[in-house]
Amino acid sequence: MLRLHKIFRYSPSKFTVLLSFLLFQIFLTPITGKSIFLEQILYFYTYLVLLSAVTAIVESKVKLSIFIMFYITSFISSVLFFMLNSIHWLAISEASDMMMIAITIWGILIFMRRQKKVTRDLIAGAICVYMLCGLLWANGYSLCMIYDRGAISGIDLSESIFAVRNLLVYFSYVTMMTIGYGDMLPATSMARSLVMLQGLFGQMYLAVFVAGIIGMFLSQRDENKIIEKIEEDAKHRRH
């Protein structure tokens, strides 16, 4: 935990590190297969990484305390779910996870807003927000299915809870990218509302926010080149 905190605290490429982990998680999930033990390790390690990132990025002690409170709540309720097999504990865990991801997203956006220059790492941060939003919506779909097992059609509920969650993460990203394969479909009004909101968000975020940041980065880079060229010409004139 302390080592992860130092990486995010002092690394000039903190968002690149976080983005690498989120991408690595996508490829690591199928490798864990149907092993509940490996899935549990990956699940808790993911939120440990987010905890390390938040403690290094978020300056507000109140928000940090709230994040830790939700982290502890998620951990305890997850353990109680596996011990008691009560769906209500799972709902508490999913809701806590949503709040943790929301605080992480907010912390990244506030941190990015404070920066004076647009760097490659800030672009990575913008992509991290996009990917974290996919996980946020996946938690929302999970809550829909907890209280209505038919909220998302095309999911085999006889699979393990982690297998179902992985499918919901896949469904979330496919929805946000507006690919729409049709292998899974929203079947309730709440699920459909979440799908519409996510589709709108995915398109607007990439088209406006990320494109704007990349445009600023390219413009800034061109300005730096012009300044360097002017300085070089000035040096030649002196000689």
Protein backbone atom coordinates (compact mmCIF):
# COMPACT_ATOMS: atom_id res chain seq x y z
CA MET A 1 0.00 0.00 0.00
CA LEU A 2 2.77 2.44 0.98
CA ARG A 3 4.73 1.62 -2.17
CA LEU A 4 1.69 2.19 -4.36
CA HIS A 5 1.07 5.50 -2.60
CA LYS A 6 4.65 6.64 -3.31
CA ILE A 7 4.30 5.70 -6.98
CA PHE A 8 1.18 7.85 -7.37
CA ARG A 9 2.46 10.62 -5.11
CA TYR A 10 5.88 11.24 -6.61
CA SER A 11 5.73 9.82 -10.13
CA PRO A 12 5.47 12.43 -12.90
CA SER A 13 3.40 9.86 -14.82
CA LYS A 14 0.90 8.90 -12.12
CA PHE A 15 -2.06 8.74 -14.50
CA THR A 16 -0.09 6.74 -17.02
CA VAL A 17 0.60 4.20 -14.26
CA LEU A 18 -3.11 4.09 -13.33
CA LEU A 19 -4.14 3.75 -16.99
CA SER A 20 -1.64 0.92 -17.47
CA PHE A 21 -3.15 -0.90 -14.50
CA LEU A 22 -6.72 -0.45 -15.76
CA LEU A 23 -5.74 -1.76 -19.20
CA PHE A 24 -3.76 -4.61 -17.66
CA GLN A 25 -6.82 -5.55 -15.60
CA ILE A 26 -8.87 -6.04 -18.79
CA PHE A 27 -6.37 -8.59 -20.07
CA LEU A 28 -5.82 -10.17 -16.65
CA THR A 29 -9.51 -10.86 -15.97
CA PRO A 30 -9.85 -13.72 -18.53
CA ILE A 31 -6.62 -15.29 -17.24
CA THR A 32 -8.06 -15.67 -13.75
CA GLY A 33 -10.70 -17.90 -15.36
CA LYS A 34 -13.26 -19.31 -12.95
CA SER A 35 -11.02 -19.21 -9.91
CA ILE A 36 -12.98 -17.42 -7.19
CA PHE A 37 -9.81 -16.97 -5.16
CA LEU A 38 -7.94 -15.20 -7.98
CA GLU A 39 -11.00 -13.12 -8.81
CA GLN A 40 -11.25 -11.97 -5.19
CA ILE A 41 -7.58 -10.99 -5.14
CA LEU A 42 -7.96 -9.02 -8.37
CA TYR A 43 -11.15 -7.35 -7.09
CA PHE A 44 -9.67 -6.14 -3.81
CA TYR A 45 -6.33 -5.22 -5.38
CA THR A 46 -8.14 -3.01 -7.90
CA TYR A 47 -9.69 -0.93 -5.13
CA LEU A 48 -6.39 -0.92 -3.24
CA VAL A 49 -4.82 0.72 -6.30
CA LEU A 50 -7.66 3.27 -6.38
CA LEU A 51 -7.16 3.93 -2.66
CA SER A 52 -3.46 4.56 -3.26
CA ALA A 53 -4.25 6.89 -6.16
CA VAL A 54 -6.83 8.85 -4.19
CA THR A 55 -4.61 9.31 -1.13
CA ALA A 56 -1.91 10.72 -3.42
CA ILE A 57 -4.14 12.96 -5.56
CA VAL A 58 -7.00 14.17 -3.35
CA GLU A 59 -5.97 17.00 -1.00
CA SER A 60 -9.28 17.28 0.83
CA LYS A 61 -9.08 15.30 4.07
CA VAL A 62 -12.88 15.10 4.20
CA LYS A 63 -13.12 13.43 0.77
CA LEU A 64 -10.22 11.16 1.63
CA SER A 65 -11.91 10.10 4.89
CA ILE A 66 -15.17 9.44 3.04
CA PHE A 67 -13.31 7.32 0.48
CA ILE A 68 -11.65 5.25 3.21
CA MET A 69 -15.01 4.83 4.96
CA PHE A 70 -16.57 3.47 1.76
CA TYR A 71 -13.50 1.27 1.19
CA ILE A 72 -13.87 -0.32 4.62
CA THR A 73 -17.65 -0.66 4.12
CA SER A 74 -17.14 -2.36 0.75
CA PHE A 75 -14.55 -4.74 2.16
CA ILE A 76 -16.64 -5.75 5.18
CA SER A 77 -19.88 -6.12 3.22
CA SER A 78 -18.11 -8.23 0.57
CA VAL A 79 -16.77 -10.56 3.25
CA LEU A 80 -20.22 -10.80 4.85
CA PHE A 81 -21.78 -11.53 1.46
CA PHE A 82 -19.51 -14.52 0.92
CA MET A 83 -20.03 -15.72 4.50
CA LEU A 84 -23.81 -15.25 4.71
CA ASN A 85 -24.72 -15.32 1.01
CA SER A 86 -27.07 -12.37 1.59
CA ILE A 87 -27.79 -10.30 -1.52
CA HIS A 88 -28.28 -7.18 0.60
CA TRP A 89 -24.62 -7.18 1.63
CA LEU A 90 -23.69 -7.41 -2.04
CA ALA A 91 -25.86 -4.36 -2.76
CA ILE A 92 -24.07 -2.40 -0.02
CA SER A 93 -20.71 -3.45 -1.46
CA GLU A 94 -21.68 -2.38 -5.00
CA ALA A 95 -23.05 0.97 -3.78
CA SER A 96 -19.85 1.59 -1.80
CA ASP A 97 -17.77 0.73 -4.87
CA MET A 98 -19.75 3.26 -6.89
CA MET A 99 -19.01 5.98 -4.36
CA MET A 100 -15.30 5.11 -4.30
CA ILE A 101 -15.05 5.31 -8.08
CA ALA A 102 -17.02 8.58 -8.11
CA ILE A 103 -14.61 10.13 -5.57
CA THR A 104 -11.63 8.88 -7.60
CA ILE A 105 -13.04 10.43 -10.79
CA TRP A 106 -13.75 13.72 -9.01
CA GLY A 107 -10.25 13.75 -7.53
CA ILE A 108 -8.63 13.20 -10.93
CA LEU A 109 -10.70 15.95 -12.55
CA ILE A 110 -9.88 18.44 -9.76
CA PHE A 111 -6.18 17.54 -9.97
CA MET A 112 -6.22 18.02 -13.75
CA ARG A 113 -7.94 21.39 -13.44
CA ARG A 114 -5.16 22.66 -11.15
CA GLN A 115 -2.43 21.91 -13.70
CA LYS A 116 -1.14 24.82 -15.77
CA LYS A 117 0.21 22.76 -18.66
CA VAL A 118 -1.34 19.94 -20.66
CA THR A 119 0.97 16.92 -20.67
CA ARG A 120 0.77 13.39 -22.01
CA ASP A 121 0.11 12.25 -18.44
CA LEU A 122 -2.94 14.53 -18.18
CA ILE A 123 -4.26 13.00 -21.40
CA ALA A 124 -3.78 9.59 -19.74
CA GLY A 125 -5.73 10.97 -16.77
CA ALA A 126 -8.63 11.91 -19.04
CA ILE A 127 -8.66 8.36 -20.42
CA CYS A 128 -8.56 7.00 -16.84
CA VAL A 129 -11.73 8.96 -16.09
CA TYR A 130 -13.39 7.41 -19.14
CA MET A 131 -12.43 3.88 -18.05
CA LEU A 132 -13.44 4.48 -14.44
CA CYS A 133 -16.84 5.70 -15.63
CA GLY A 134 -17.23 2.34 -17.35
CA LEU A 135 -16.67 0.62 -13.99
CA LEU A 136 -19.04 3.08 -12.31
CA TRP A 137 -21.87 2.21 -14.68
CA ALA A 138 -21.09 -1.50 -14.30
CA ASN A 139 -21.81 -1.12 -10.58
CA GLY A 140 -25.09 0.58 -11.47
CA TYR A 141 -26.09 -2.32 -13.73
CA SER A 142 -25.11 -4.72 -10.96
CA LEU A 143 -27.46 -2.95 -8.53
CA CYS A 144 -30.22 -3.16 -11.13
CA MET A 145 -29.73 -6.92 -11.38
CA ILE A 146 -29.56 -7.38 -7.62
CA TYR A 147 -33.09 -6.03 -7.24
CA ASP A 148 -34.38 -7.32 -10.59
CA ARG A 149 -32.60 -10.42 -11.88
CA GLY A 150 -33.96 -9.83 -15.38
CA ALA A 151 -32.72 -6.23 -15.69
CA ILE A 152 -30.08 -7.23 -18.26
CA SER A 153 -30.98 -10.10 -20.57
CA GLY A 154 -28.37 -12.47 -21.98
CA ILE A 155 -26.51 -13.09 -18.70
CA ASP A 156 -26.29 -16.56 -17.18
CA LEU A 157 -26.98 -16.02 -13.49
CA SER A 158 -25.83 -19.55 -12.63
CA GLU A 159 -22.25 -18.31 -13.08
CA SER A 160 -20.21 -17.00 -10.15
CA ILE A 161 -20.76 -13.46 -8.92
CA PHE A 162 -17.40 -12.42 -10.40
CA ALA A 163 -18.24 -13.93 -13.79
CA VAL A 164 -21.53 -12.00 -13.83
CA ARG A 165 -19.73 -8.81 -12.82
CA ASN A 166 -17.16 -9.25 -15.59
CA LEU A 167 -20.02 -9.55 -18.08
CA LEU A 168 -21.56 -6.36 -16.71
CA VAL A 169 -18.22 -4.56 -17.09
CA TYR A 170 -18.07 -5.77 -20.69
CA PHE A 171 -21.67 -4.64 -21.26
CA SER A 172 -20.85 -1.25 -19.72
CA TYR A 173 -17.88 -0.56 -21.99
CA VAL A 174 -19.70 -1.81 -25.10
CA THR A 175 -22.58 0.52 -24.24
CA MET A 176 -20.32 3.51 -23.57
CA MET A 177 -18.54 3.00 -26.89
CA THR A 178 -21.99 2.62 -28.56
CA ILE A 179 -20.92 -0.64 -30.23
CA GLY A 180 -24.13 -2.47 -29.33
CA TYR A 181 -23.44 -6.11 -30.25
CA GLY A 182 -26.89 -7.12 -29.02
CA ASP A 183 -25.69 -10.16 -27.02
CA MET A 184 -26.92 -8.45 -23.84
CA LEU A 185 -29.85 -6.05 -23.66
CA PRO A 186 -31.44 -3.81 -20.99
CA ALA A 187 -34.84 -5.24 -20.12
CA THR A 188 -36.16 -2.85 -17.47
CA SER A 189 -36.88 0.88 -17.50
CA MET A 190 -34.10 1.63 -14.99
CA ALA A 191 -31.52 -0.36 -16.96
CA ARG A 192 -32.59 1.34 -20.19
CA SER A 193 -32.27 4.75 -18.57
CA LEU A 194 -28.73 3.93 -17.42
CA VAL A 195 -27.86 2.69 -20.93
CA MET A 196 -29.12 5.91 -22.55
CA LEU A 197 -27.24 8.10 -20.07
CA GLN A 198 -24.04 6.12 -20.53
CA GLY A 199 -24.26 6.22 -24.32
CA LEU A 200 -24.73 10.00 -24.25
CA PHE A 201 -21.90 10.44 -21.76
CA GLY A 202 -19.50 8.25 -23.74
CA GLN A 203 -20.00 10.21 -26.95
CA MET A 204 -19.97 13.67 -25.37
CA TYR A 205 -16.94 12.96 -23.16
CA LEU A 206 -14.75 11.78 -26.03
CA ALA A 207 -15.99 14.40 -28.50
CA VAL A 208 -15.76 17.39 -26.17
CA PHE A 209 -13.51 16.80 -23.15
CA VAL A 210 -10.81 14.42 -24.43
CA ALA A 211 -10.71 15.99 -27.90
CA GLY A 212 -10.41 19.43 -26.26
CA ILE A 213 -7.49 18.33 -24.07
CA ILE A 214 -5.67 16.76 -27.02
CA GLY A 215 -6.28 19.93 -29.04
CA MET A 216 -4.81 22.05 -26.24
CA PHE A 217 -1.81 19.71 -26.00
CA LEU A 218 -1.11 19.95 -29.73
CA SER A 219 -1.57 23.73 -29.71
CA GLN A 220 0.74 24.04 -26.71
CA ARG A 221 3.34 21.86 -28.42
CA ASP A 222 3.22 24.01 -31.58
CA GLU A 223 3.60 27.17 -29.50
CA ASN A 224 6.66 25.71 -27.78
CA LYS A 225 8.20 24.87 -31.16
CA ILE A 226 7.61 28.42 -32.38
CA ILE A 227 9.19 29.85 -29.23
CA GLU A 228 12.20 27.52 -29.58
CA LYS A 229 12.62 28.55 -33.21
CA ILE A 230 12.47 32.26 -32.30
CA GLU A 231 15.09 31.72 -29.58
CA GLU A 232 17.36 29.84 -31.99
CA ASP A 233 17.04 32.61 -34.60
CA ALA A 234 17.86 35.19 -31.95
CA LYS A 235 21.02 33.28 -30.99
CA HIS A 236 22.16 33.09 -34.62
CA ARG A 237 21.70 36.83 -35.04
CA ARG A 238 23.82 37.54 -31.96
CA HIS A 239 26.66 35.47 -33.38
